[in-house]
Amino acid sequence: MVVSIAASACSHSTEARKHGEPEVVLLSRAGDQHVKVEIARSDPERERGLMYRQKLEAGRGMIFLFERPQRLKFWMMNTYIPLDMIFIGADKHVVYVEENAEPLTVVTRGPANEDSQFVLEVPGGWARAHGVERGITVRFVDID
């Protein structure tokens, strides 16, 4: 499955809004790294992703939620900013990090031989700067 990587102002569930802004916490070697996220859970939200955005602030991102683990591949069509793509398995551990994906390309990116169920997109360079690497634990807050 190839999913285009871009983002829209995705709607969050009413439940998540009641609790607070959804976030993903990555337990990196540099300490807990918090990312406030928009949620892409429907096919249209995942297809749009972060497309057409001119910027993405540090500490912000988008989490793509899938119903089951699968071989996910993303691309950067109509995405104007470089992004790091953090592929996360069903067990909430990072399985792959694609750093600084080149904007405006249709080259597919993602782990070659591993399934993932979630993908976190953050500004390009963020993952390396915050010690995010394969194997670290990930926690979702106010994401259901």
C-alpha atoms as a PDB file:
ATOM      1  CA  MET A   1       0.000   0.000   0.000  1.00  0.00           C
ATOM      2  CA  VAL A   2       1.352   3.407  -0.930  1.00  0.00           C
ATOM      3  CA  VAL A   3       0.040   6.355   1.017  1.00  0.00           C
ATOM      4  CA  SER A   4       0.726   9.917  -0.072  1.00  0.00           C
ATOM      5  CA  ILE A   5       2.412  11.945   2.630  1.00  0.00           C
ATOM      6  CA  ALA A   6       0.872  15.260   3.162  1.00  0.00           C
ATOM      7  CA  ALA A   7      -1.470  16.707   5.693  1.00  0.00           C
ATOM      8  CA  SER A   8      -4.686  18.443   6.206  1.00  0.00           C
ATOM      9  CA  ALA A   9      -6.150  19.962   9.245  1.00  0.00           C
ATOM     10  CA  CYS A  10      -7.480  16.585  10.273  1.00  0.00           C
ATOM     11  CA  SER A  11     -10.334  16.397  12.673  1.00  0.00           C
ATOM     12  CA  HIS A  12      -9.608  14.962  16.077  1.00  0.00           C
ATOM     13  CA  SER A  13     -12.171  12.872  17.878  1.00  0.00           C
ATOM     14  CA  THR A  14     -14.433  14.694  20.311  1.00  0.00           C
ATOM     15  CA  GLU A  15     -13.098  12.456  23.072  1.00  0.00           C
ATOM     16  CA  ALA A  16      -9.478  13.524  22.395  1.00  0.00           C
ATOM     17  CA  ARG A  17     -10.422  17.202  22.448  1.00  0.00           C
ATOM     18  CA  LYS A  18     -11.990  16.777  25.874  1.00  0.00           C
ATOM     19  CA  HIS A  19      -8.752  15.396  27.308  1.00  0.00           C
ATOM     20  CA  GLY A  20      -6.249  17.702  25.641  1.00  0.00           C
ATOM     21  CA  GLU A  21      -4.278  18.019  22.456  1.00  0.00           C
ATOM     22  CA  PRO A  22      -3.214  14.601  21.141  1.00  0.00           C
ATOM     23  CA  GLU A  23       0.478  13.871  21.296  1.00  0.00           C
ATOM     24  CA  VAL A  24       3.010  11.179  20.596  1.00  0.00           C
ATOM     25  CA  VAL A  25       5.781  10.651  23.149  1.00  0.00           C
ATOM     26  CA  LEU A  26       8.987   9.005  21.967  1.00  0.00           C
ATOM     27  CA  LEU A  27      11.177   7.601  24.738  1.00  0.00           C
ATOM     28  CA  SER A  28      14.535   8.393  23.115  1.00  0.00           C
ATOM     29  CA  ARG A  29      18.077   8.263  24.474  1.00  0.00           C
ATOM     30  CA  ALA A  30      17.796  12.052  24.791  1.00  0.00           C
ATOM     31  CA  GLY A  31      14.743  11.711  27.075  1.00  0.00           C
ATOM     32  CA  ASP A  32      11.019  11.816  26.429  1.00  0.00           C
ATOM     33  CA  GLN A  33      10.263  13.722  23.229  1.00  0.00           C
ATOM     34  CA  HIS A  34       6.722  15.115  22.943  1.00  0.00           C
ATOM     35  CA  VAL A  35       5.096  15.864  19.590  1.00  0.00           C
ATOM     36  CA  LYS A  36       1.675  17.518  19.404  1.00  0.00           C
ATOM     37  CA  VAL A  37      -0.103  15.837  16.520  1.00  0.00           C
ATOM     38  CA  GLU A  38      -2.929  16.069  14.076  1.00  0.00           C
ATOM     39  CA  ILE A  39      -4.518  12.693  13.466  1.00  0.00           C
ATOM     40  CA  ALA A  40      -4.993  11.075  10.053  1.00  0.00           C
ATOM     41  CA  ARG A  41      -7.168   7.996  10.494  1.00  0.00           C
ATOM     42  CA  SER A  42      -9.532   7.932   7.494  1.00  0.00           C
ATOM     43  CA  ASP A  43      -8.450   7.204   3.920  1.00  0.00           C
ATOM     44  CA  PRO A  44      -9.026  10.823   2.774  1.00  0.00           C
ATOM     45  CA  GLU A  45      -7.073  12.208   5.764  1.00  0.00           C
ATOM     46  CA  ARG A  46      -4.193   9.785   5.185  1.00  0.00           C
ATOM     47  CA  GLU A  47      -4.139  10.505   1.447  1.00  0.00           C
ATOM     48  CA  ARG A  48      -3.878  14.250   2.021  1.00  0.00           C
ATOM     49  CA  GLY A  49      -1.474  14.046   4.947  1.00  0.00           C
ATOM     50  CA  LEU A  50       0.789  17.099   5.070  1.00  0.00           C
ATOM     51  CA  MET A  51       0.355  18.063   1.411  1.00  0.00           C
ATOM     52  CA  TYR A  52       0.362  21.751   0.541  1.00  0.00           C
ATOM     53  CA  ARG A  53       1.805  22.865   3.883  1.00  0.00           C
ATOM     54  CA  GLN A  54       4.407  25.606   3.726  1.00  0.00           C
ATOM     55  CA  LYS A  55       5.792  24.910   7.209  1.00  0.00           C
ATOM     56  CA  LEU A  56       5.577  22.581  10.180  1.00  0.00           C
ATOM     57  CA  GLU A  57       6.676  23.889  13.544  1.00  0.00           C
ATOM     58  CA  ALA A  58       9.156  22.003  15.742  1.00  0.00           C
ATOM     59  CA  GLY A  59       7.310  19.829  18.233  1.00  0.00           C
ATOM     60  CA  ARG A  60       4.368  19.413  15.829  1.00  0.00           C
ATOM     61  CA  GLY A  61       3.490  16.594  13.480  1.00  0.00           C
ATOM     62  CA  MET A  62       0.905  14.223  12.124  1.00  0.00           C
ATOM     63  CA  ILE A  63       0.223  10.643  13.176  1.00  0.00           C
ATOM     64  CA  PHE A  64      -1.171   8.270  10.567  1.00  0.00           C
ATOM     65  CA  LEU A  65      -3.236   5.502  12.127  1.00  0.00           C
ATOM     66  CA  PHE A  66      -3.961   2.251  10.313  1.00  0.00           C
ATOM     67  CA  GLU A  67      -6.282  -0.546  11.412  1.00  0.00           C
ATOM     68  CA  ARG A  68      -3.633  -3.263  11.193  1.00  0.00           C
ATOM     69  CA  PRO A  69       0.103  -3.698  10.630  1.00  0.00           C
ATOM     70  CA  GLN A  70       1.122  -3.708   6.961  1.00  0.00           C
ATOM     71  CA  ARG A  71       3.981  -2.835   4.622  1.00  0.00           C
ATOM     72  CA  LEU A  72       3.471   0.944   4.492  1.00  0.00           C
ATOM     73  CA  LYS A  73       5.123   3.163   1.886  1.00  0.00           C
ATOM     74  CA  PHE A  74       4.776   6.947   1.795  1.00  0.00           C
ATOM     75  CA  TRP A  75       5.716   9.562  -0.779  1.00  0.00           C
ATOM     76  CA  MET A  76       6.086  13.358  -0.855  1.00  0.00           C
ATOM     77  CA  MET A  77       3.852  14.321  -3.780  1.00  0.00           C
ATOM     78  CA  ASN A  78       2.598  17.902  -3.289  1.00  0.00           C
ATOM     79  CA  THR A  79       4.463  18.151   0.013  1.00  0.00           C
ATOM     80  CA  TYR A  80       6.577  21.301   0.111  1.00  0.00           C
ATOM     81  CA  ILE A  81       8.658  20.754   3.237  1.00  0.00           C
ATOM     82  CA  PRO A  82      11.189  18.028   4.091  1.00  0.00           C
ATOM     83  CA  LEU A  83       9.852  15.580   6.643  1.00  0.00           C
ATOM     84  CA  ASP A  84      11.110  12.790   8.859  1.00  0.00           C
ATOM     85  CA  MET A  85       8.841   9.739   8.721  1.00  0.00           C
ATOM     86  CA  ILE A  86       8.901   7.568  11.815  1.00  0.00           C
ATOM     87  CA  PHE A  87       7.373   4.137  11.148  1.00  0.00           C
ATOM     88  CA  ILE A  88       5.963   2.511  14.286  1.00  0.00           C
ATOM     89  CA  GLY A  89       4.960  -1.132  14.750  1.00  0.00           C
ATOM     90  CA  ALA A  90       1.792  -2.449  16.369  1.00  0.00           C
ATOM     91  CA  ASP A  91       3.846  -2.947  19.563  1.00  0.00           C
ATOM     92  CA  LYS A  92       4.534   0.829  19.648  1.00  0.00           C
ATOM     93  CA  HIS A  93       8.262   0.576  18.905  1.00  0.00           C
ATOM     94  CA  VAL A  94      10.003   2.444  16.089  1.00  0.00           C
ATOM     95  CA  VAL A  95      10.756   0.058  13.231  1.00  0.00           C
ATOM     96  CA  TYR A  96      12.240   2.556  10.747  1.00  0.00           C
ATOM     97  CA  VAL A  97      13.131   6.246  10.427  1.00  0.00           C
ATOM     98  CA  GLU A  98      13.203   7.989   7.050  1.00  0.00           C
ATOM     99  CA  GLU A  99      15.120  11.219   7.561  1.00  0.00           C
ATOM    100  CA  ASN A 100      14.633  14.417   5.551  1.00  0.00           C
ATOM    101  CA  ALA A 101      12.400  12.994   2.834  1.00  0.00           C
ATOM    102  CA  GLU A 102      12.844  15.168  -0.221  1.00  0.00           C
ATOM    103  CA  PRO A 103       9.782  17.331  -0.984  1.00  0.00           C
ATOM    104  CA  LEU A 104       7.754  17.093  -4.190  1.00  0.00           C
ATOM    105  CA  THR A 105       8.788  13.558  -5.147  1.00  0.00           C
ATOM    106  CA  VAL A 106       6.912  10.321  -5.743  1.00  0.00           C
ATOM    107  CA  VAL A 107       9.767   8.120  -4.550  1.00  0.00           C
ATOM    108  CA  THR A 108       8.255   5.676  -2.071  1.00  0.00           C
ATOM    109  CA  ARG A 109       9.748   5.556   1.403  1.00  0.00           C
ATOM    110  CA  GLY A 110       9.406   3.136   4.253  1.00  0.00           C
ATOM    111  CA  PRO A 111      10.908  -0.039   5.669  1.00  0.00           C
ATOM    112  CA  ALA A 112      11.738  -2.612   2.988  1.00  0.00           C
ATOM    113  CA  ASN A 113      10.853  -5.758   4.897  1.00  0.00           C
ATOM    114  CA  GLU A 114       8.910  -4.769   7.994  1.00  0.00           C
ATOM    115  CA  ASP A 115       5.307  -4.002   8.757  1.00  0.00           C
ATOM    116  CA  SER A 116       4.219  -0.904  10.644  1.00  0.00           C
ATOM    117  CA  GLN A 117       0.831   0.264  11.834  1.00  0.00           C
ATOM    118  CA  PHE A 118       1.488   3.935  12.555  1.00  0.00           C
ATOM    119  CA  VAL A 119       3.593   6.643  10.933  1.00  0.00           C
ATOM    120  CA  LEU A 120       4.596   9.875  12.644  1.00  0.00           C
ATOM    121  CA  GLU A 121       5.667  12.744  10.412  1.00  0.00           C
ATOM    122  CA  VAL A 122       7.697  15.578  11.891  1.00  0.00           C
ATOM    123  CA  PRO A 123       9.830  18.394  10.438  1.00  0.00           C
ATOM    124  CA  GLY A 124      12.925  17.185   8.578  1.00  0.00           C
ATOM    125  CA  GLY A 125      15.914  16.749  10.888  1.00  0.00           C
ATOM    126  CA  TRP A 126      13.792  16.501  14.031  1.00  0.00           C
ATOM    127  CA  ALA A 127      14.277  12.740  14.567  1.00  0.00           C
ATOM    128  CA  ARG A 128      18.080  12.877  14.562  1.00  0.00           C
ATOM    129  CA  ALA A 129      18.171  16.028  16.699  1.00  0.00           C
ATOM    130  CA  HIS A 130      15.993  14.313  19.325  1.00  0.00           C
ATOM    131  CA  GLY A 131      17.661  10.895  19.391  1.00  0.00           C
ATOM    132  CA  VAL A 132      14.849   9.032  17.657  1.00  0.00           C
ATOM    133  CA  GLU A 133      16.057   5.700  16.318  1.00  0.00           C
ATOM    134  CA  ARG A 134      14.908   2.174  15.578  1.00  0.00           C
ATOM    135  CA  GLY A 135      13.720   0.230  18.626  1.00  0.00           C
ATOM    136  CA  ILE A 136      12.675   3.067  20.916  1.00  0.00           C
ATOM    137  CA  THR A 137       9.291   2.929  22.624  1.00  0.00           C
ATOM    138  CA  VAL A 138       6.441   5.212  21.592  1.00  0.00           C
ATOM    139  CA  ARG A 139       3.414   6.218  23.654  1.00  0.00           C
ATOM    140  CA  PHE A 140       0.175   7.840  22.444  1.00  0.00           C
ATOM    141  CA  VAL A 141      -1.562  10.423  24.619  1.00  0.00           C
ATOM    142  CA  ASP A 142      -5.217  11.329  23.942  1.00  0.00           C
ATOM    143  CA  ILE A 143      -5.181   9.330  20.713  1.00  0.00           C
ATOM    144  CA  ASP A 144      -7.794   6.620  20.462  1.00  0.00           C
END
